[in-house]
N, C-alpha and C. Protein backbone atom coordinates (compact mmCIF):
# COMPACT_ATOMS: atom_id res chain seq x y z
N UNK A 1 146.08 68.46 -7.22
CA UNK A 1 147.51 68.31 -6.95
C UNK A 1 148.23 67.86 -8.26
N UNK A 2 149.36 68.49 -8.51
CA UNK A 2 150.09 68.21 -9.76
C UNK A 2 150.95 66.98 -9.51
N UNK A 3 151.13 66.25 -10.58
CA UNK A 3 151.98 65.08 -10.52
C UNK A 3 153.45 65.58 -10.47
N UNK A 4 154.21 65.10 -9.43
CA UNK A 4 155.54 65.59 -9.28
C UNK A 4 156.49 65.19 -10.51
N UNK A 5 156.03 64.21 -11.23
CA UNK A 5 156.91 63.75 -12.41
C UNK A 5 156.73 64.79 -13.61
N UNK A 6 155.72 65.57 -13.55
CA UNK A 6 155.53 66.51 -14.61
C UNK A 6 156.66 67.50 -14.66
N UNK A 7 157.11 68.01 -13.58
CA UNK A 7 158.27 68.89 -13.54
C UNK A 7 159.50 68.24 -14.09
N UNK A 8 159.76 66.98 -13.68
CA UNK A 8 160.87 66.25 -14.22
C UNK A 8 160.75 66.05 -15.70
N UNK A 9 159.63 65.70 -16.13
CA UNK A 9 159.42 65.49 -17.60
C UNK A 9 159.66 66.77 -18.40
N UNK A 10 159.22 67.93 -17.87
CA UNK A 10 159.42 69.19 -18.52
C UNK A 10 160.95 69.54 -18.53
N UNK A 11 161.61 69.30 -17.42
CA UNK A 11 163.02 69.60 -17.29
C UNK A 11 163.84 68.69 -18.32
N UNK A 12 163.48 67.46 -18.46
CA UNK A 12 164.13 66.58 -19.38
C UNK A 12 163.89 67.02 -20.83
N UNK A 13 162.74 67.48 -21.12
CA UNK A 13 162.47 68.06 -22.45
C UNK A 13 163.28 69.30 -22.71
N UNK A 14 163.40 70.14 -21.78
CA UNK A 14 164.15 71.32 -21.87
C UNK A 14 165.66 70.99 -22.10
N UNK A 15 166.15 70.06 -21.38
CA UNK A 15 167.53 69.61 -21.48
C UNK A 15 167.76 69.06 -22.89
N UNK A 16 166.90 68.27 -23.38
CA UNK A 16 167.09 67.70 -24.70
C UNK A 16 167.07 68.81 -25.79
N UNK A 17 166.17 69.79 -25.61
CA UNK A 17 166.13 70.91 -26.60
C UNK A 17 167.49 71.70 -26.59
N UNK A 18 167.95 71.92 -25.30
CA UNK A 18 169.23 72.67 -25.15
C UNK A 18 170.39 71.86 -25.79
N UNK A 19 170.37 70.55 -25.59
CA UNK A 19 171.47 69.77 -26.20
C UNK A 19 171.37 69.78 -27.71
N UNK A 20 170.18 69.71 -28.25
CA UNK A 20 169.98 69.80 -29.74
C UNK A 20 170.55 71.15 -30.25
N UNK A 21 170.19 72.27 -29.54
CA UNK A 21 170.61 73.61 -29.90
C UNK A 21 172.16 73.69 -29.85
N UNK A 22 172.71 73.10 -28.80
CA UNK A 22 174.18 73.14 -28.67
C UNK A 22 174.87 72.41 -29.78
N UNK A 23 174.32 71.25 -30.16
CA UNK A 23 174.90 70.46 -31.28
C UNK A 23 174.85 71.30 -32.58
N UNK A 24 173.75 71.98 -32.78
CA UNK A 24 173.53 72.82 -33.99
C UNK A 24 174.57 73.96 -33.97
N UNK A 25 174.79 74.59 -32.86
CA UNK A 25 175.75 75.71 -32.76
C UNK A 25 177.17 75.18 -33.07
N UNK A 26 177.49 74.05 -32.48
CA UNK A 26 178.90 73.48 -32.66
C UNK A 26 179.02 73.12 -34.18
N UNK A 27 178.00 72.51 -34.75
CA UNK A 27 178.14 72.10 -36.14
C UNK A 27 178.29 73.37 -37.04
N UNK A 28 177.60 74.42 -36.76
CA UNK A 28 177.79 75.64 -37.57
C UNK A 28 179.16 76.25 -37.36
N UNK A 29 179.65 76.18 -36.12
CA UNK A 29 181.03 76.73 -35.90
C UNK A 29 182.08 75.89 -36.58
N UNK A 30 181.88 74.48 -36.62
CA UNK A 30 182.84 73.66 -37.33
C UNK A 30 182.82 74.00 -38.81
N UNK A 31 181.65 74.22 -39.38
CA UNK A 31 181.60 74.57 -40.79
C UNK A 31 182.28 75.87 -41.04
N UNK A 32 182.11 76.85 -40.16
CA UNK A 32 182.79 78.13 -40.36
C UNK A 32 184.32 77.97 -40.30
N UNK A 33 184.76 77.15 -39.36
CA UNK A 33 186.19 76.85 -39.27
C UNK A 33 186.69 76.19 -40.54
N UNK A 34 185.90 75.22 -41.07
CA UNK A 34 186.30 74.64 -42.32
C UNK A 34 186.37 75.58 -43.48
N UNK A 35 185.40 76.48 -43.51
CA UNK A 35 185.43 77.51 -44.60
C UNK A 35 186.68 78.40 -44.49
N UNK A 36 187.06 78.78 -43.26
CA UNK A 36 188.25 79.61 -43.04
C UNK A 36 189.46 78.86 -43.40
N UNK A 37 189.50 77.50 -43.13
CA UNK A 37 190.65 76.67 -43.51
C UNK A 37 190.77 76.70 -45.03
N UNK A 38 189.63 76.53 -45.71
CA UNK A 38 189.65 76.51 -47.21
C UNK A 38 190.19 77.83 -47.75
N UNK A 39 189.76 78.96 -47.12
CA UNK A 39 190.26 80.22 -47.59
C UNK A 39 191.84 80.36 -47.38
N UNK A 40 192.26 79.87 -46.20
CA UNK A 40 193.67 79.89 -45.93
C UNK A 40 194.45 79.06 -46.91
N UNK A 41 193.89 77.88 -47.24
CA UNK A 41 194.56 76.93 -48.21
C UNK A 41 194.59 77.65 -49.59
N UNK A 42 193.51 78.28 -49.99
CA UNK A 42 193.47 78.93 -51.24
C UNK A 42 194.52 80.09 -51.31
N UNK A 43 194.79 80.69 -50.14
CA UNK A 43 195.78 81.79 -50.08
C UNK A 43 197.17 81.25 -49.99
N UNK A 44 197.36 79.91 -50.04
CA UNK A 44 198.70 79.28 -50.04
C UNK A 44 199.21 78.85 -48.70
N UNK A 45 198.43 78.86 -47.65
CA UNK A 45 198.89 78.42 -46.38
C UNK A 45 198.92 76.89 -46.40
N UNK A 46 200.09 76.28 -46.06
CA UNK A 46 200.15 74.76 -46.02
C UNK A 46 199.29 74.16 -44.98
N UNK A 47 198.79 73.03 -45.31
CA UNK A 47 197.88 72.34 -44.38
C UNK A 47 198.66 72.00 -43.03
N UNK A 48 199.90 71.69 -43.13
CA UNK A 48 200.64 71.38 -41.84
C UNK A 48 200.81 72.62 -41.00
N UNK A 49 200.85 73.81 -41.57
CA UNK A 49 200.91 75.06 -40.71
C UNK A 49 199.52 75.31 -40.06
N UNK A 50 198.48 75.04 -40.81
CA UNK A 50 197.16 75.19 -40.19
C UNK A 50 196.99 74.25 -39.04
N UNK A 51 197.34 72.98 -39.33
CA UNK A 51 197.26 71.93 -38.28
C UNK A 51 198.02 72.33 -37.04
N UNK A 52 199.30 72.81 -37.27
CA UNK A 52 200.09 73.25 -36.08
C UNK A 52 199.45 74.38 -35.36
N UNK A 53 198.99 75.35 -36.07
CA UNK A 53 198.33 76.53 -35.44
C UNK A 53 197.17 76.12 -34.60
N UNK A 54 196.27 75.16 -35.14
CA UNK A 54 195.10 74.75 -34.45
C UNK A 54 195.36 73.63 -33.42
N UNK A 55 196.56 73.10 -33.44
CA UNK A 55 196.96 71.96 -32.57
C UNK A 55 196.05 70.79 -32.88
N UNK A 56 195.87 70.50 -34.21
CA UNK A 56 195.12 69.39 -34.69
C UNK A 56 196.04 68.58 -35.61
N UNK A 57 195.62 67.38 -35.95
CA UNK A 57 196.35 66.58 -36.88
C UNK A 57 195.97 67.12 -38.26
N UNK A 58 196.77 66.76 -39.26
CA UNK A 58 196.48 67.15 -40.65
C UNK A 58 195.19 66.48 -41.11
N UNK A 59 194.95 65.27 -40.55
CA UNK A 59 193.71 64.55 -40.94
C UNK A 59 192.50 65.31 -40.42
N UNK A 60 192.59 65.86 -39.19
CA UNK A 60 191.47 66.60 -38.62
C UNK A 60 191.24 67.86 -39.45
N UNK A 61 192.30 68.48 -39.88
CA UNK A 61 192.16 69.69 -40.72
C UNK A 61 191.52 69.32 -42.12
N UNK A 62 191.96 68.20 -42.65
CA UNK A 62 191.38 67.71 -43.91
C UNK A 62 189.86 67.49 -43.81
N UNK A 63 189.45 66.83 -42.62
CA UNK A 63 188.05 66.49 -42.44
C UNK A 63 187.22 67.84 -42.27
N UNK A 64 187.74 68.77 -41.55
CA UNK A 64 187.03 70.08 -41.46
C UNK A 64 186.86 70.71 -42.84
N UNK A 65 187.92 70.65 -43.66
CA UNK A 65 187.87 71.23 -45.00
C UNK A 65 186.85 70.51 -45.85
N UNK A 66 186.92 69.15 -45.77
CA UNK A 66 185.97 68.37 -46.56
C UNK A 66 184.53 68.66 -46.17
N UNK A 67 184.26 68.74 -44.87
CA UNK A 67 182.89 69.02 -44.43
C UNK A 67 182.38 70.41 -45.00
N UNK A 68 183.30 71.39 -45.01
CA UNK A 68 182.97 72.65 -45.53
C UNK A 68 182.66 72.61 -47.06
N UNK A 69 183.49 71.85 -47.76
CA UNK A 69 183.30 71.66 -49.21
C UNK A 69 182.01 70.96 -49.52
N UNK A 70 181.68 69.88 -48.77
CA UNK A 70 180.50 69.13 -48.93
C UNK A 70 179.24 69.94 -48.63
N UNK A 71 179.32 70.78 -47.62
CA UNK A 71 178.17 71.68 -47.26
C UNK A 71 178.00 72.70 -48.36
N UNK A 72 179.08 73.22 -48.92
CA UNK A 72 178.97 74.25 -50.01
C UNK A 72 178.33 73.57 -51.24
N UNK A 73 178.76 72.34 -51.51
CA UNK A 73 178.18 71.65 -52.70
C UNK A 73 176.72 71.34 -52.50
N UNK A 74 176.35 70.96 -51.28
CA UNK A 74 174.95 70.62 -50.99
C UNK A 74 174.08 71.86 -51.13
N UNK A 75 174.55 73.05 -50.66
CA UNK A 75 173.74 74.21 -50.74
C UNK A 75 173.66 74.69 -52.18
N UNK A 76 174.74 74.49 -52.98
CA UNK A 76 174.75 74.92 -54.39
C UNK A 76 173.78 74.10 -55.15
N UNK A 77 173.57 72.79 -54.80
CA UNK A 77 172.68 71.93 -55.50
C UNK A 77 171.23 72.19 -55.14
N UNK A 78 170.99 72.91 -54.08
CA UNK A 78 169.57 73.18 -53.63
C UNK A 78 168.86 74.21 -54.52
C-alpha cells in the first residue's frame, strides 16, 4: 500500500517547481520591458510619456530601466 502523503508531497514539489518557473518567466518579461523602455528613451520618448502609457509611476519606469541596464552590465562583464 502506498503512503497517501506521497501524492501530496509530489504535488507540493510540482507546485514549487511551477512557481519557480513562473517567477523566472515574469523576471525575463520585466527585463524585456526594461530593455524596450531603454530603447524608447534613446529614441527620445520622455519618461513621463512611457509611464502614462504603461499606467505606472515614473519611479516604476525608472526601476525597470535600471534593472535592464544592470542586467546588461552583468552579462557584459561575464
